[in-house]
Every structure is written in structure tokens, then in C-alpha cells.
């Protein structure tokens, strides 16, 4: 990635592949956005997109080349997700302790 691209994602973690993303959704991890390769019309990636939409997480269709670039050529299986590195507590959560 170029320096500008790295700066854009430096505060986020990139998850790649169907299983890590499905696990992140199931665990309630803070997922910022899911990107799915254009033309993916069936299979686990579509199930991931449906779960994400139900949870209010944006799903973006992107060219497979963009996923290749973002993942530095890793086996992304047509899906990648940006997740928050840290989960922050609200003031109400802290006061409830």
C-alpha cells in the first residue's frame, strides 16, 4: 500500500477471508465496513453480507482487484472487513461498574 492508503487504515484492522469475518460478526466485534467482490451472488460471502446488513454494518461491493490490493495479494476469498482495533466503552458503561 502507498503511505496514504496505510494512513487511511492505520487505526483499523483488516480482516480477510470468510471464517475470520463470520467469527467477528458472531462475537459482536466492532466491524466498520465489509467489502465483497463484485459478482459474488451466492455462498458464504452472501450470508456474511446479510448478517452484516442486519447488524447495521455497511456492505460495499468492490472490484476483486481492490481486495487483492488491500490484502497485499493474500487469499481473501472475495471478502474483507475493516474492524476497530479497540472497542471503547461509553460513559454509561463505566458508571454502571
PDB file of N, CA and C in Angstrom:
ATOM      1  N   UNK A   1       0.838  -1.187   0.000  1.00  0.00           N
ATOM      2  CA  UNK A   1       0.000   0.000   0.000  1.00  0.00           C
ATOM      3  C   UNK A   1       0.877   1.243   0.000  1.00  0.00           C
ATOM      4  N   UNK A   2       0.351   2.274  -0.564  1.00  0.00           N
ATOM      5  CA  UNK A   2       1.070   3.531  -0.513  1.00  0.00           C
ATOM      6  C   UNK A   2       0.938   4.112   0.882  1.00  0.00           C
ATOM      7  N   UNK A   3       1.737   5.101   1.184  1.00  0.00           N
ATOM      8  CA  UNK A   3       1.689   5.712   2.511  1.00  0.00           C
ATOM      9  C   UNK A   3       0.311   6.288   2.808  1.00  0.00           C
ATOM     10  N   UNK A   4      -0.325   6.916   1.806  1.00  0.00           N
ATOM     11  CA  UNK A   4      -1.653   7.488   2.028  1.00  0.00           C
ATOM     12  C   UNK A   4      -2.665   6.401   2.352  1.00  0.00           C
ATOM     13  N   UNK A   5      -2.599   5.254   1.669  1.00  0.00           N
ATOM     14  CA  UNK A   5      -3.518   4.147   1.958  1.00  0.00           C
ATOM     15  C   UNK A   5      -3.263   3.610   3.358  1.00  0.00           C
ATOM     16  N   UNK A   6      -2.007   3.468   3.730  1.00  0.00           N
ATOM     17  CA  UNK A   6      -1.688   2.972   5.059  1.00  0.00           C
ATOM     18  C   UNK A   6      -2.195   3.919   6.128  1.00  0.00           C
ATOM     19  N   UNK A   7      -2.069   5.214   5.894  1.00  0.00           N
ATOM     20  CA  UNK A   7      -2.567   6.191   6.858  1.00  0.00           C
ATOM     21  C   UNK A   7      -4.062   6.051   7.037  1.00  0.00           C
ATOM     22  N   UNK A   8      -4.777   5.793   5.952  1.00  0.00           N
ATOM     23  CA  UNK A   8      -6.225   5.684   6.000  1.00  0.00           C
ATOM     24  C   UNK A   8      -6.661   4.535   6.899  1.00  0.00           C
ATOM     25  N   UNK A   9      -5.922   3.436   6.879  1.00  0.00           N
ATOM     26  CA  UNK A   9      -6.322   2.250   7.620  1.00  0.00           C
ATOM     27  C   UNK A   9      -5.505   2.011   8.885  1.00  0.00           C
ATOM     28  N   UNK A  10      -4.659   2.946   9.288  1.00  0.00           N
ATOM     29  CA  UNK A  10      -3.771   2.698  10.415  1.00  0.00           C
ATOM     30  C   UNK A  10      -4.512   2.499  11.730  1.00  0.00           C
ATOM     31  N   UNK A  11      -5.696   3.053  11.884  1.00  0.00           N
ATOM     32  CA  UNK A  11      -6.448   2.899  13.126  1.00  0.00           C
ATOM     33  C   UNK A  11      -7.449   1.751  13.056  1.00  0.00           C
ATOM     34  N   UNK A  12      -7.454   1.027  11.956  1.00  0.00           N
ATOM     35  CA  UNK A  12      -8.376  -0.074  11.756  1.00  0.00           C
ATOM     36  C   UNK A  12      -7.590  -1.351  11.495  1.00  0.00           C
ATOM     37  N   UNK A  13      -8.240  -2.469  11.724  1.00  0.00           N
ATOM     38  CA  UNK A  13      -7.636  -3.760  11.427  1.00  0.00           C
ATOM     39  C   UNK A  13      -8.364  -4.353  10.243  1.00  0.00           C
ATOM     40  N   UNK A  14      -7.630  -4.895   9.292  1.00  0.00           N
ATOM     41  CA  UNK A  14      -8.217  -5.511   8.115  1.00  0.00           C
ATOM     42  C   UNK A  14      -8.306  -7.010   8.337  1.00  0.00           C
ATOM     43  N   UNK A  15      -9.519  -7.533   8.333  1.00  0.00           N
ATOM     44  CA  UNK A  15      -9.726  -8.978   8.400  1.00  0.00           C
ATOM     45  C   UNK A  15      -9.976  -9.474   6.992  1.00  0.00           C
ATOM     46  N   UNK A  16      -9.413 -10.620   6.650  1.00  0.00           N
ATOM     47  CA  UNK A  16      -9.627 -11.175   5.325  1.00  0.00           C
ATOM     48  C   UNK A  16     -10.075 -12.626   5.433  1.00  0.00           C
ATOM     49  N   UNK A  17     -10.948 -13.019   4.511  1.00  0.00           N
ATOM     50  CA  UNK A  17     -11.437 -14.388   4.478  1.00  0.00           C
ATOM     51  C   UNK A  17     -12.784 -14.529   5.152  1.00  0.00           C
ATOM     52  N   UNK A  18     -13.512 -15.540   4.708  1.00  0.00           N
ATOM     53  CA  UNK A  18     -14.888 -15.741   5.191  1.00  0.00           C
ATOM     54  C   UNK A  18     -14.961 -16.101   6.670  1.00  0.00           C
ATOM     55  N   UNK A  19     -14.153 -17.055   7.111  1.00  0.00           N
ATOM     56  CA  UNK A  19     -14.259 -17.506   8.503  1.00  0.00           C
ATOM     57  C   UNK A  19     -13.884 -16.437   9.525  1.00  0.00           C
ATOM     58  N   UNK A  20     -12.772 -15.721   9.356  1.00  0.00           N
ATOM     59  CA  UNK A  20     -12.462 -14.665  10.339  1.00  0.00           C
ATOM     60  C   UNK A  20     -13.543 -13.592  10.417  1.00  0.00           C
ATOM     61  N   UNK A  21     -14.129 -13.246   9.282  1.00  0.00           N
ATOM     62  CA  UNK A  21     -15.160 -12.207   9.282  1.00  0.00           C
ATOM     63  C   UNK A  21     -16.448 -12.732   9.901  1.00  0.00           C
ATOM     64  N   UNK A  22     -16.813 -13.972   9.587  1.00  0.00           N
ATOM     65  CA  UNK A  22     -18.004 -14.567  10.199  1.00  0.00           C
ATOM     66  C   UNK A  22     -17.848 -14.641  11.715  1.00  0.00           C
ATOM     67  N   UNK A  23     -16.657 -15.000  12.187  1.00  0.00           N
ATOM     68  CA  UNK A  23     -16.391 -15.056  13.627  1.00  0.00           C
ATOM     69  C   UNK A  23     -16.465 -13.670  14.264  1.00  0.00           C
ATOM     70  N   UNK A  24     -15.949 -12.671  13.574  1.00  0.00           N
ATOM     71  CA  UNK A  24     -16.008 -11.303  14.099  1.00  0.00           C
ATOM     72  C   UNK A  24     -17.452 -10.849  14.247  1.00  0.00           C
ATOM     73  N   UNK A  25     -18.284 -11.162  13.265  1.00  0.00           N
ATOM     74  CA  UNK A  25     -19.704 -10.796  13.340  1.00  0.00           C
ATOM     75  C   UNK A  25     -20.401 -11.552  14.471  1.00  0.00           C
ATOM     76  N   UNK A  26     -20.102 -12.844  14.601  1.00  0.00           N
ATOM     77  CA  UNK A  26     -20.745 -13.660  15.636  1.00  0.00           C
ATOM     78  C   UNK A  26     -20.346 -13.224  17.041  1.00  0.00           C
ATOM     79  N   UNK A  27     -19.120 -12.722  17.185  1.00  0.00           N
ATOM     80  CA  UNK A  27     -18.639 -12.344  18.513  1.00  0.00           C
ATOM     81  C   UNK A  27     -19.061 -10.934  18.924  1.00  0.00           C
ATOM     82  N   UNK A  28     -19.634 -10.194  17.987  1.00  0.00           N
ATOM     83  CA  UNK A  28     -20.043  -8.833  18.304  1.00  0.00           C
ATOM     84  C   UNK A  28     -18.922  -7.821  18.203  1.00  0.00           C
ATOM     85  N   UNK A  29     -17.852  -8.184  17.552  1.00  0.00           N
ATOM     86  CA  UNK A  29     -16.719  -7.269  17.379  1.00  0.00           C
ATOM     87  C   UNK A  29     -17.156  -6.043  16.587  1.00  0.00           C
ATOM     88  N   UNK A  30     -16.524  -4.913  16.816  1.00  0.00           N
ATOM     89  CA  UNK A  30     -16.859  -3.676  16.120  1.00  0.00           C
ATOM     90  C   UNK A  30     -16.342  -3.722  14.686  1.00  0.00           C
ATOM     91  N   UNK A  31     -17.251  -4.006  13.773  1.00  0.00           N
ATOM     92  CA  UNK A  31     -16.912  -4.051  12.351  1.00  0.00           C
ATOM     93  C   UNK A  31     -17.371  -2.736  11.739  1.00  0.00           C
ATOM     94  N   UNK A  32     -16.461  -2.053  11.065  1.00  0.00           N
ATOM     95  CA  UNK A  32     -16.754  -0.749  10.482  1.00  0.00           C
ATOM     96  C   UNK A  32     -17.414  -0.888   9.122  1.00  0.00           C
ATOM     97  N   UNK A  33     -16.871  -1.805   8.298  1.00  0.00           N
ATOM     98  CA  UNK A  33     -17.367  -1.963   6.938  1.00  0.00           C
ATOM     99  C   UNK A  33     -16.924  -3.316   6.404  1.00  0.00           C
ATOM    100  N   UNK A  34     -17.764  -3.936   5.577  1.00  0.00           N
ATOM    101  CA  UNK A  34     -17.417  -5.178   4.904  1.00  0.00           C
ATOM    102  C   UNK A  34     -17.392  -4.912   3.409  1.00  0.00           C
ATOM    103  N   UNK A  35     -16.354  -5.427   2.765  1.00  0.00           N
ATOM    104  CA  UNK A  35     -16.220  -5.284   1.316  1.00  0.00           C
ATOM    105  C   UNK A  35     -16.272  -6.665   0.676  1.00  0.00           C
ATOM    106  N   UNK A  36     -17.152  -6.792  -0.318  1.00  0.00           N
ATOM    107  CA  UNK A  36     -17.348  -8.065  -1.011  1.00  0.00           C
ATOM    108  C   UNK A  36     -17.064  -7.851  -2.489  1.00  0.00           C
ATOM    109  N   UNK A  37     -16.408  -8.836  -3.099  1.00  0.00           N
ATOM    110  CA  UNK A  37     -16.074  -8.743  -4.515  1.00  0.00           C
ATOM    111  C   UNK A  37     -17.343  -8.709  -5.359  1.00  0.00           C
ATOM    112  N   UNK A  38     -17.357  -7.827  -6.354  1.00  0.00           N
ATOM    113  CA  UNK A  38     -18.493  -7.742  -7.271  1.00  0.00           C
ATOM    114  C   UNK A  38     -18.682  -9.088  -7.956  1.00  0.00           C
ATOM    115  N   UNK A  39     -19.945  -9.426  -8.176  1.00  0.00           N
ATOM    116  CA  UNK A  39     -20.253 -10.684  -8.856  1.00  0.00           C
ATOM    117  C   UNK A  39     -20.438 -11.857  -7.908  1.00  0.00           C
ATOM    118  N   UNK A  40     -20.283 -11.641  -6.627  1.00  0.00           N
ATOM    119  CA  UNK A  40     -20.489 -12.710  -5.650  1.00  0.00           C
ATOM    120  C   UNK A  40     -21.992 -12.800  -5.382  1.00  0.00           C
ATOM    121  N   UNK A  41     -22.617 -13.836  -5.934  1.00  0.00           N
ATOM    122  CA  UNK A  41     -24.073 -13.932  -5.847  1.00  0.00           C
ATOM    123  C   UNK A  41     -24.553 -15.059  -4.955  1.00  0.00           C
ATOM    124  N   UNK A  42     -23.642 -15.886  -4.466  1.00  0.00           N
ATOM    125  CA  UNK A  42     -24.081 -16.986  -3.611  1.00  0.00           C
ATOM    126  C   UNK A  42     -22.952 -17.393  -2.679  1.00  0.00           C
ATOM    127  N   UNK A  43     -23.274 -18.291  -1.747  1.00  0.00           N
ATOM    128  CA  UNK A  43     -22.257 -18.830  -0.861  1.00  0.00           C
ATOM    129  C   UNK A  43     -22.100 -18.064   0.431  1.00  0.00           C
ATOM    130  N   UNK A  44     -21.039 -18.387   1.164  1.00  0.00           N
ATOM    131  CA  UNK A  44     -20.800 -17.792   2.482  1.00  0.00           C
ATOM    132  C   UNK A  44     -20.659 -16.267   2.463  1.00  0.00           C
ATOM    133  N   UNK A  45     -20.096 -15.704   1.400  1.00  0.00           N
ATOM    134  CA  UNK A  45     -19.931 -14.248   1.343  1.00  0.00           C
ATOM    135  C   UNK A  45     -21.284 -13.545   1.361  1.00  0.00           C
ATOM    136  N   UNK A  46     -22.269 -14.129   0.711  1.00  0.00           N
ATOM    137  CA  UNK A  46     -23.614 -13.543   0.699  1.00  0.00           C
ATOM    138  C   UNK A  46     -24.246 -13.651   2.086  1.00  0.00           C
ATOM    139  N   UNK A  47     -24.004 -14.754   2.776  1.00  0.00           N
ATOM    140  CA  UNK A  47     -24.519 -14.919   4.139  1.00  0.00           C
ATOM    141  C   UNK A  47     -23.875 -13.887   5.076  1.00  0.00           C
ATOM    142  N   UNK A  48     -22.584 -13.653   4.891  1.00  0.00           N
ATOM    143  CA  UNK A  48     -21.886 -12.645   5.695  1.00  0.00           C
ATOM    144  C   UNK A  48     -22.494 -11.273   5.447  1.00  0.00           C
ATOM    145  N   UNK A  49     -22.747 -10.955   4.171  1.00  0.00           N
ATOM    146  CA  UNK A  49     -23.339  -9.657   3.829  1.00  0.00           C
ATOM    147  C   UNK A  49     -24.708  -9.502   4.466  1.00  0.00           C
ATOM    148  N   UNK A  50     -25.514 -10.556   4.464  1.00  0.00           N
ATOM    149  CA  UNK A  50     -26.852 -10.495   5.055  1.00  0.00           C
ATOM    150  C   UNK A  50     -26.767 -10.256   6.562  1.00  0.00           C
ATOM    151  N   UNK A  51     -25.863 -10.950   7.249  1.00  0.00           N
ATOM    152  CA  UNK A  51     -25.694 -10.762   8.695  1.00  0.00           C
ATOM    153  C   UNK A  51     -25.217  -9.345   9.004  1.00  0.00           C
ATOM    154  N   UNK A  52     -24.301  -8.854   8.182  1.00  0.00           N
ATOM    155  CA  UNK A  52     -23.776  -7.503   8.395  1.00  0.00           C
ATOM    156  C   UNK A  52     -24.870  -6.464   8.215  1.00  0.00           C
ATOM    157  N   UNK A  53     -25.655  -6.589   7.154  1.00  0.00           N
ATOM    158  CA  UNK A  53     -26.735  -5.635   6.908  1.00  0.00           C
ATOM    159  C   UNK A  53     -27.750  -5.658   8.044  1.00  0.00           C
ATOM    160  N   UNK A  54     -28.040  -6.857   8.547  1.00  0.00           N
ATOM    161  CA  UNK A  54     -28.985  -6.989   9.663  1.00  0.00           C
ATOM    162  C   UNK A  54     -28.453  -6.290  10.917  1.00  0.00           C
ATOM    163  N   UNK A  55     -27.119  -6.298  11.074  1.00  0.00           N
ATOM    164  CA  UNK A  55     -26.489  -5.655  12.233  1.00  0.00           C
ATOM    165  C   UNK A  55     -26.225  -4.170  11.988  1.00  0.00           C
ATOM    166  N   UNK A  56     -26.590  -3.662  10.813  1.00  0.00           N
ATOM    167  CA  UNK A  56     -26.396  -2.247  10.515  1.00  0.00           C
ATOM    168  C   UNK A  56     -24.986  -1.897  10.068  1.00  0.00           C
ATOM    169  N   UNK A  57     -24.242  -2.891   9.624  1.00  0.00           N
ATOM    170  CA  UNK A  57     -22.870  -2.675   9.165  1.00  0.00           C
ATOM    171  C   UNK A  57     -22.894  -2.457   7.654  1.00  0.00           C
ATOM    172  N   UNK A  58     -22.261  -1.388   7.175  1.00  0.00           N
ATOM    173  CA  UNK A  58     -22.261  -1.138   5.727  1.00  0.00           C
ATOM    174  C   UNK A  58     -21.537  -2.250   4.964  1.00  0.00           C
ATOM    175  N   UNK A  59     -22.120  -2.632   3.827  1.00  0.00           N
ATOM    176  CA  UNK A  59     -21.519  -3.624   2.939  1.00  0.00           C
ATOM    177  C   UNK A  59     -21.299  -2.950   1.595  1.00  0.00           C
ATOM    178  N   UNK A  60     -20.076  -3.031   1.106  1.00  0.00           N
ATOM    179  CA  UNK A  60     -19.718  -2.377  -0.144  1.00  0.00           C
ATOM    180  C   UNK A  60     -19.221  -3.419  -1.139  1.00  0.00           C
ATOM    181  N   UNK A  61     -19.768  -3.380  -2.359  1.00  0.00           N
ATOM    182  CA  UNK A  61     -19.263  -4.238  -3.429  1.00  0.00           C
ATOM    183  C   UNK A  61     -18.090  -3.528  -4.084  1.00  0.00           C
ATOM    184  N   UNK A  62     -16.971  -4.223  -4.209  1.00  0.00           N
ATOM    185  CA  UNK A  62     -15.766  -3.641  -4.797  1.00  0.00           C
ATOM    186  C   UNK A  62     -15.199  -4.606  -5.839  1.00  0.00           C
ATOM    187  N   UNK A  63     -14.361  -4.071  -6.694  1.00  0.00           N
ATOM    188  CA  UNK A  63     -13.675  -4.910  -7.673  1.00  0.00           C
ATOM    189  C   UNK A  63     -12.721  -5.858  -6.944  1.00  0.00           C
ATOM    190  N   UNK A  64     -12.588  -7.063  -7.474  1.00  0.00           N
ATOM    191  CA  UNK A  64     -11.687  -8.049  -6.883  1.00  0.00           C
ATOM    192  C   UNK A  64     -10.246  -7.509  -6.831  1.00  0.00           C
ATOM    193  N   UNK A  65      -9.874  -6.701  -7.814  1.00  0.00           N
ATOM    194  CA  UNK A  65      -8.530  -6.104  -7.832  1.00  0.00           C
ATOM    195  C   UNK A  65      -8.294  -5.225  -6.607  1.00  0.00           C
ATOM    196  N   UNK A  66      -9.334  -4.525  -6.157  1.00  0.00           N
ATOM    197  CA  UNK A  66      -9.194  -3.681  -4.968  1.00  0.00           C
ATOM    198  C   UNK A  66      -8.938  -4.547  -3.736  1.00  0.00           C
ATOM    199  N   UNK A  67      -9.656  -5.667  -3.622  1.00  0.00           N
ATOM    200  CA  UNK A  67      -9.421  -6.569  -2.498  1.00  0.00           C
ATOM    201  C   UNK A  67      -8.011  -7.147  -2.565  1.00  0.00           C
ATOM    202  N   UNK A  68      -7.565  -7.510  -3.777  1.00  0.00           N
ATOM    203  CA  UNK A  68      -6.202  -8.017  -3.941  1.00  0.00           C
ATOM    204  C   UNK A  68      -5.191  -6.986  -3.449  1.00  0.00           C
ATOM    205  N   UNK A  69      -5.410  -5.730  -3.820  1.00  0.00           N
ATOM    206  CA  UNK A  69      -4.509  -4.647  -3.441  1.00  0.00           C
ATOM    207  C   UNK A  69      -4.527  -4.410  -1.936  1.00  0.00           C
ATOM    208  N   UNK A  70      -5.730  -4.341  -1.362  1.00  0.00           N
ATOM    209  CA  UNK A  70      -5.853  -4.061   0.072  1.00  0.00           C
ATOM    210  C   UNK A  70      -5.249  -5.167   0.928  1.00  0.00           C
ATOM    211  N   UNK A  71      -5.351  -6.412   0.455  1.00  0.00           N
ATOM    212  CA  UNK A  71      -4.871  -7.555   1.231  1.00  0.00           C
ATOM    213  C   UNK A  71      -3.460  -7.963   0.841  1.00  0.00           C
ATOM    214  N   UNK A  72      -2.853  -7.164  -0.026  1.00  0.00           N
ATOM    215  CA  UNK A  72      -1.482  -7.434  -0.475  1.00  0.00           C
ATOM    216  C   UNK A  72      -1.358  -8.817  -1.112  1.00  0.00           C
ATOM    217  N   UNK A  73      -2.410  -9.215  -1.840  1.00  0.00           N
ATOM    218  CA  UNK A  73      -2.385 -10.478  -2.574  1.00  0.00           C
ATOM    219  C   UNK A  73      -2.733 -11.704  -1.753  1.00  0.00           C
ATOM    220  N   UNK A  74      -3.139 -11.540  -0.513  1.00  0.00           N
ATOM    221  CA  UNK A  74      -3.497 -12.690   0.327  1.00  0.00           C
ATOM    222  C   UNK A  74      -4.807 -13.315  -0.161  1.00  0.00           C
ATOM    223  N   UNK A  75      -5.064 -14.530   0.241  1.00  0.00           N
ATOM    224  CA  UNK A  75      -6.268 -15.257  -0.167  1.00  0.00           C
ATOM    225  C   UNK A  75      -7.477 -14.727   0.597  1.00  0.00           C
ATOM    226  N   UNK A  76      -8.145 -13.725   0.047  1.00  0.00           N
ATOM    227  CA  UNK A  76      -9.246 -13.056   0.741  1.00  0.00           C
ATOM    228  C   UNK A  76     -10.601 -13.726   0.523  1.00  0.00           C
ATOM    229  N   UNK A  77     -10.706 -14.666  -0.394  1.00  0.00           N
ATOM    230  CA  UNK A  77     -11.952 -15.392  -0.662  1.00  0.00           C
ATOM    231  C   UNK A  77     -13.086 -14.461  -1.066  1.00  0.00           C
ATOM    232  N   UNK A  78     -12.753 -13.300  -1.613  1.00  0.00           N
ATOM    233  CA  UNK A  78     -13.764 -12.368  -2.086  1.00  0.00           C
ATOM    234  C   UNK A  78     -14.404 -11.507  -1.023  1.00  0.00           C
ATOM    235  N   UNK A  79     -13.820 -11.490   0.189  1.00  0.00           N
ATOM    236  CA  UNK A  79     -14.407 -10.694   1.260  1.00  0.00           C
ATOM    237  C   UNK A  79     -13.324 -10.178   2.208  1.00  0.00           C
ATOM    238  N   UNK A  80     -13.489  -8.920   2.626  1.00  0.00           N
ATOM    239  CA  UNK A  80     -12.579  -8.299   3.600  1.00  0.00           C
ATOM    240  C   UNK A  80     -13.413  -7.376   4.487  1.00  0.00           C
ATOM    241  N   UNK A  81     -12.918  -7.125   5.679  1.00  0.00           N
ATOM    242  CA  UNK A  81     -13.647  -6.262   6.608  1.00  0.00           C
ATOM    243  C   UNK A  81     -12.684  -5.346   7.350  1.00  0.00           C
ATOM    244  N   UNK A  82     -13.120  -4.118   7.548  1.00  0.00           N
ATOM    245  CA  UNK A  82     -12.392  -3.191   8.404  1.00  0.00           C
ATOM    246  C   UNK A  82     -13.021  -3.245   9.787  1.00  0.00           C
ATOM    247  N   UNK A  83     -12.204  -3.492  10.785  1.00  0.00           N
ATOM    248  CA  UNK A  83     -12.680  -3.586  12.167  1.00  0.00           C
ATOM    249  C   UNK A  83     -11.925  -2.587  13.027  1.00  0.00           C
ATOM    250  N   UNK A  84     -12.595  -2.117  14.053  1.00  0.00           N
ATOM    251  CA  UNK A  84     -11.942  -1.233  15.011  1.00  0.00           C
ATOM    252  C   UNK A  84     -10.912  -2.040  15.793  1.00  0.00           C
ATOM    253  N   UNK A  85      -9.745  -1.472  15.991  1.00  0.00           N
ATOM    254  CA  UNK A  85      -8.702  -2.150  16.750  1.00  0.00           C
ATOM    255  C   UNK A  85      -9.109  -2.253  18.211  1.00  0.00           C
ATOM    256  N   UNK A  86      -9.759  -1.206  18.716  1.00  0.00           N
ATOM    257  CA  UNK A  86     -10.182  -1.177  20.115  1.00  0.00           C
ATOM    258  C   UNK A  86     -11.680  -0.935  20.190  1.00  0.00           C
ATOM    259  N   UNK A  87     -12.295  -1.529  21.161  1.00  0.00           N
ATOM    260  CA  UNK A  87     -13.684  -1.219  21.466  1.00  0.00           C
ATOM    261  C   UNK A  87     -13.679  -0.238  22.626  1.00  0.00           C
ATOM    262  N   UNK A  88     -14.391   0.833  22.470  1.00  0.00           N
ATOM    263  CA  UNK A  88     -14.445   1.851  23.507  1.00  0.00           C
ATOM    264  C   UNK A  88     -15.714   1.703  24.323  1.00  0.00           C
ATOM    265  N   UNK A  89     -15.622   2.009  25.585  1.00  0.00           N
ATOM    266  CA  UNK A  89     -16.777   1.975  26.483  1.00  0.00           C
ATOM    267  C   UNK A  89     -17.406   3.352  26.532  1.00  0.00           C
ATOM    268  N   UNK A  90     -18.707   3.346  26.723  1.00  0.00           N
ATOM    269  CA  UNK A  90     -19.401   4.619  26.884  1.00  0.00           C
ATOM    270  C   UNK A  90     -19.305   5.042  28.349  1.00  0.00           C
ATOM    271  N   UNK A  91     -19.616   6.286  28.616  1.00  0.00           N
ATOM    272  CA  UNK A  91     -19.607   6.791  29.987  1.00  0.00           C
ATOM    273  C   UNK A  91     -20.608   5.998  30.825  1.00  0.00           C
ATOM    274  N   UNK A  92     -21.754   5.670  30.228  1.00  0.00           N
ATOM    275  CA  UNK A  92     -22.772   4.901  30.950  1.00  0.00           C
ATOM    276  C   UNK A  92     -22.247   3.524  31.353  1.00  0.00           C
ATOM    277  N   UNK A  93     -21.489   2.878  30.460  1.00  0.00           N
ATOM    278  CA  UNK A  93     -20.910   1.568  30.783  1.00  0.00           C
ATOM    279  C   UNK A  93     -19.939   1.656  31.941  1.00  0.00           C
ATOM    280  N   UNK A  94     -19.125   2.716  31.943  1.00  0.00           N
ATOM    281  CA  UNK A  94     -18.134   2.878  33.016  1.00  0.00           C
ATOM    282  C   UNK A  94     -18.822   3.165  34.341  1.00  0.00           C
ATOM    283  N   UNK A  95     -19.838   4.008  34.334  1.00  0.00           N
ATOM    284  CA  UNK A  95     -20.546   4.351  35.558  1.00  0.00           C
ATOM    285  C   UNK A  95     -21.353   3.173  36.103  1.00  0.00           C
ATOM    286  N   UNK A  96     -21.746   2.244  35.250  1.00  0.00           N
ATOM    287  CA  UNK A  96     -22.517   1.093  35.676  1.00  0.00           C
ATOM    288  C   UNK A  96     -21.671   0.103  36.469  1.00  0.00           C
ATOM    289  N   UNK A  97     -20.354   0.225  36.374  1.00  0.00           N
ATOM    290  CA  UNK A  97     -19.459  -0.679  37.113  1.00  0.00           C
ATOM    291  C   UNK A  97     -19.480  -0.299  38.541  1.00  0.00           C
TER     292      UNK A  97
END
